[in-house]
Amino acid sequence: MLGSTFYLIGEPAINSGRIPRLTWSSLGLVIPVTEPVTPPAAMRSSFTLYAWGVLGWNFFVILWGAYVRASGSGAGCGNNWPLCNGNVVPQVSRLDTIIEFAHRATSGVAFFGVVA
């Protein structure tokens, strides 16, 4: 009966919003575990929308990176990472610098979107 789960239904489960259960561990001990209540539909849909937005943005960053590679603009900011030609915001002098800096900026936005 290892891994078996027994659900208990009673007055405390209804009042607390959680379904208590007992799980048998490998040592034969009974450990009470509660399952969280499913979040409201509005909360799920806003998180789902945010997750799809972040996924779409990351897909855009990947495609933009492919364009950077195909156009040969990968060295547009020189060897000064994370700076671009020694500056935080580069002076726009060449097209490859604009393309490379745009990719760095979009990937930075993607980083903060994932972390948030």
C-alpha atoms as a PDB file:
ATOM      1  CA  MET A   1       0.000   0.000   0.000  1.00  0.00           C
ATOM      2  CA  LEU A   2       2.969   2.322  -0.530  1.00  0.00           C
ATOM      3  CA  GLY A   3       1.956   5.568  -2.146  1.00  0.00           C
ATOM      4  CA  SER A   4      -1.732   5.057  -1.418  1.00  0.00           C
ATOM      5  CA  THR A   5      -3.770   8.159  -0.702  1.00  0.00           C
ATOM      6  CA  PHE A   6      -6.859   8.263   1.479  1.00  0.00           C
ATOM      7  CA  TYR A   7      -9.093  11.312   1.353  1.00  0.00           C
ATOM      8  CA  LEU A   8     -10.959  12.307   4.488  1.00  0.00           C
ATOM      9  CA  ILE A   9     -14.244  14.145   4.092  1.00  0.00           C
ATOM     10  CA  GLY A  10     -15.690  15.966   7.040  1.00  0.00           C
ATOM     11  CA  GLU A  11     -16.668  19.296   8.534  1.00  0.00           C
ATOM     12  CA  PRO A  12     -13.076  20.686   8.914  1.00  0.00           C
ATOM     13  CA  ALA A  13     -12.363  20.069   5.220  1.00  0.00           C
ATOM     14  CA  ILE A  14     -15.386  22.077   4.181  1.00  0.00           C
ATOM     15  CA  ASN A  15     -14.598  24.996   6.488  1.00  0.00           C
ATOM     16  CA  SER A  16     -10.880  25.273   5.692  1.00  0.00           C
ATOM     17  CA  GLY A  17     -11.222  25.057   1.916  1.00  0.00           C
ATOM     18  CA  ARG A  18      -8.660  22.263   1.807  1.00  0.00           C
ATOM     19  CA  ILE A  19      -9.073  18.539   1.404  1.00  0.00           C
ATOM     20  CA  PRO A  20      -7.029  16.736   4.066  1.00  0.00           C
ATOM     21  CA  ARG A  21      -5.561  13.390   3.129  1.00  0.00           C
ATOM     22  CA  LEU A  22      -3.285  10.797   4.636  1.00  0.00           C
ATOM     23  CA  THR A  23      -0.359   9.467   2.630  1.00  0.00           C
ATOM     24  CA  TRP A  24       1.550   6.326   3.492  1.00  0.00           C
ATOM     25  CA  SER A  25       5.293   6.908   3.358  1.00  0.00           C
ATOM     26  CA  SER A  26       7.959   4.296   2.681  1.00  0.00           C
ATOM     27  CA  LEU A  27       8.573   3.975   6.436  1.00  0.00           C
ATOM     28  CA  GLY A  28       4.970   3.058   7.084  1.00  0.00           C
ATOM     29  CA  LEU A  29       4.201   6.390   8.745  1.00  0.00           C
ATOM     30  CA  VAL A  30       1.035   8.310   8.108  1.00  0.00           C
ATOM     31  CA  ILE A  31       1.745  11.918   7.111  1.00  0.00           C
ATOM     32  CA  PRO A  32      -1.205  14.313   6.883  1.00  0.00           C
ATOM     33  CA  VAL A  33      -1.052  16.421   3.737  1.00  0.00           C
ATOM     34  CA  THR A  34      -3.476  19.074   2.529  1.00  0.00           C
ATOM     35  CA  GLU A  35      -4.088  20.009  -1.072  1.00  0.00           C
ATOM     36  CA  PRO A  36      -4.456  23.707  -1.902  1.00  0.00           C
ATOM     37  CA  VAL A  37      -7.674  25.040  -3.291  1.00  0.00           C
ATOM     38  CA  THR A  38      -7.657  25.746  -7.019  1.00  0.00           C
ATOM     39  CA  PRO A  39      -7.241  29.493  -7.644  1.00  0.00           C
ATOM     40  CA  PRO A  40     -10.202  31.390  -9.058  1.00  0.00           C
ATOM     41  CA  ALA A  41     -10.738  31.314 -12.809  1.00  0.00           C
ATOM     42  CA  ALA A  42      -9.955  35.029 -13.175  1.00  0.00           C
ATOM     43  CA  MET A  43      -6.567  34.576 -11.518  1.00  0.00           C
ATOM     44  CA  ARG A  44      -5.753  31.561 -13.672  1.00  0.00           C
ATOM     45  CA  SER A  45      -6.681  33.360 -16.861  1.00  0.00           C
ATOM     46  CA  SER A  46      -4.558  36.450 -16.095  1.00  0.00           C
ATOM     47  CA  PHE A  47      -1.529  34.296 -15.294  1.00  0.00           C
ATOM     48  CA  THR A  48      -2.173  32.197 -18.389  1.00  0.00           C
ATOM     49  CA  LEU A  49      -2.367  35.321 -20.516  1.00  0.00           C
ATOM     50  CA  TYR A  50       0.894  36.616 -18.999  1.00  0.00           C
ATOM     51  CA  ALA A  51       2.620  33.255 -19.554  1.00  0.00           C
ATOM     52  CA  TRP A  52       1.538  33.159 -23.200  1.00  0.00           C
ATOM     53  CA  GLY A  53       2.754  36.738 -23.646  1.00  0.00           C
ATOM     54  CA  VAL A  54       6.173  35.899 -22.190  1.00  0.00           C
ATOM     55  CA  LEU A  55       6.369  32.790 -24.352  1.00  0.00           C
ATOM     56  CA  GLY A  56       5.514  34.805 -27.468  1.00  0.00           C
ATOM     57  CA  TRP A  57       8.090  37.459 -26.578  1.00  0.00           C
ATOM     58  CA  ASN A  58      10.786  34.799 -26.095  1.00  0.00           C
ATOM     59  CA  PHE A  59       9.874  33.299 -29.453  1.00  0.00           C
ATOM     60  CA  PHE A  60      10.314  36.775 -30.993  1.00  0.00           C
ATOM     61  CA  VAL A  61      13.727  37.120 -29.287  1.00  0.00           C
ATOM     62  CA  ILE A  62      14.797  33.770 -30.753  1.00  0.00           C
ATOM     63  CA  LEU A  63      13.700  34.801 -34.246  1.00  0.00           C
ATOM     64  CA  TRP A  64      15.449  38.170 -33.855  1.00  0.00           C
ATOM     65  CA  GLY A  65      18.606  36.317 -32.761  1.00  0.00           C
ATOM     66  CA  ALA A  66      18.397  34.213 -35.905  1.00  0.00           C
ATOM     67  CA  TYR A  67      18.183  37.423 -37.918  1.00  0.00           C
ATOM     68  CA  VAL A  68      21.224  38.822 -36.074  1.00  0.00           C
ATOM     69  CA  ARG A  69      23.150  35.685 -36.974  1.00  0.00           C
ATOM     70  CA  ALA A  70      21.988  35.602 -40.595  1.00  0.00           C
ATOM     71  CA  SER A  71      22.745  39.284 -41.172  1.00  0.00           C
ATOM     72  CA  GLY A  72      26.244  38.993 -39.681  1.00  0.00           C
ATOM     73  CA  SER A  73      25.507  41.654 -37.069  1.00  0.00           C
ATOM     74  CA  GLY A  74      26.672  39.585 -34.102  1.00  0.00           C
ATOM     75  CA  ALA A  75      29.788  41.700 -33.618  1.00  0.00           C
ATOM     76  CA  GLY A  76      27.907  44.990 -33.973  1.00  0.00           C
ATOM     77  CA  CYS A  77      28.616  45.885 -30.325  1.00  0.00           C
ATOM     78  CA  GLY A  78      32.218  44.716 -30.420  1.00  0.00           C
ATOM     79  CA  ASN A  79      33.728  42.689 -27.585  1.00  0.00           C
ATOM     80  CA  ASN A  80      32.268  44.861 -24.844  1.00  0.00           C
ATOM     81  CA  TRP A  81      29.592  42.741 -23.188  1.00  0.00           C
ATOM     82  CA  PRO A  82      27.332  43.770 -21.442  1.00  0.00           C
ATOM     83  CA  LEU A  83      28.134  47.227 -22.800  1.00  0.00           C
ATOM     84  CA  CYS A  84      27.819  48.042 -26.473  1.00  0.00           C
ATOM     85  CA  ASN A  85      31.005  49.598 -27.843  1.00  0.00           C
ATOM     86  CA  GLY A  86      31.881  50.731 -24.331  1.00  0.00           C
ATOM     87  CA  ASN A  87      28.542  52.504 -23.692  1.00  0.00           C
ATOM     88  CA  VAL A  88      25.287  51.454 -22.040  1.00  0.00           C
ATOM     89  CA  VAL A  89      23.348  52.929 -24.952  1.00  0.00           C
ATOM     90  CA  PRO A  90      25.542  53.015 -28.055  1.00  0.00           C
ATOM     91  CA  GLN A  91      25.915  55.871 -30.476  1.00  0.00           C
ATOM     92  CA  VAL A  92      24.056  54.801 -33.583  1.00  0.00           C
ATOM     93  CA  SER A  93      26.667  54.776 -36.300  1.00  0.00           C
ATOM     94  CA  ARG A  94      26.205  51.480 -38.135  1.00  0.00           C
ATOM     95  CA  LEU A  95      23.260  49.257 -38.953  1.00  0.00           C
ATOM     96  CA  ASP A  96      24.870  46.145 -37.435  1.00  0.00           C
ATOM     97  CA  THR A  97      25.223  48.012 -34.117  1.00  0.00           C
ATOM     98  CA  ILE A  98      21.501  48.856 -34.141  1.00  0.00           C
ATOM     99  CA  ILE A  99      20.544  45.257 -34.922  1.00  0.00           C
ATOM    100  CA  GLU A 100      22.809  43.784 -32.241  1.00  0.00           C
ATOM    101  CA  PHE A 101      21.782  46.317 -29.587  1.00  0.00           C
ATOM    102  CA  ALA A 102      18.093  45.733 -30.358  1.00  0.00           C
ATOM    103  CA  HIS A 103      18.602  42.019 -29.773  1.00  0.00           C
ATOM    104  CA  ARG A 104      20.363  42.678 -26.476  1.00  0.00           C
ATOM    105  CA  ALA A 105      17.536  44.984 -25.391  1.00  0.00           C
ATOM    106  CA  THR A 106      14.769  42.520 -26.330  1.00  0.00           C
ATOM    107  CA  SER A 107      16.536  39.664 -24.568  1.00  0.00           C
ATOM    108  CA  GLY A 108      16.921  41.857 -21.473  1.00  0.00           C
ATOM    109  CA  VAL A 109      13.180  42.538 -21.483  1.00  0.00           C
ATOM    110  CA  ALA A 110      12.582  38.792 -21.881  1.00  0.00           C
ATOM    111  CA  PHE A 111      14.779  38.118 -18.840  1.00  0.00           C
ATOM    112  CA  PHE A 112      12.730  40.423 -16.624  1.00  0.00           C
ATOM    113  CA  GLY A 113       9.496  38.989 -18.018  1.00  0.00           C
ATOM    114  CA  VAL A 114      10.555  35.475 -17.054  1.00  0.00           C
ATOM    115  CA  VAL A 115      11.847  36.467 -13.619  1.00  0.00           C
ATOM    116  CA  ALA A 116       8.700  38.424 -12.770  1.00  0.00           C
END
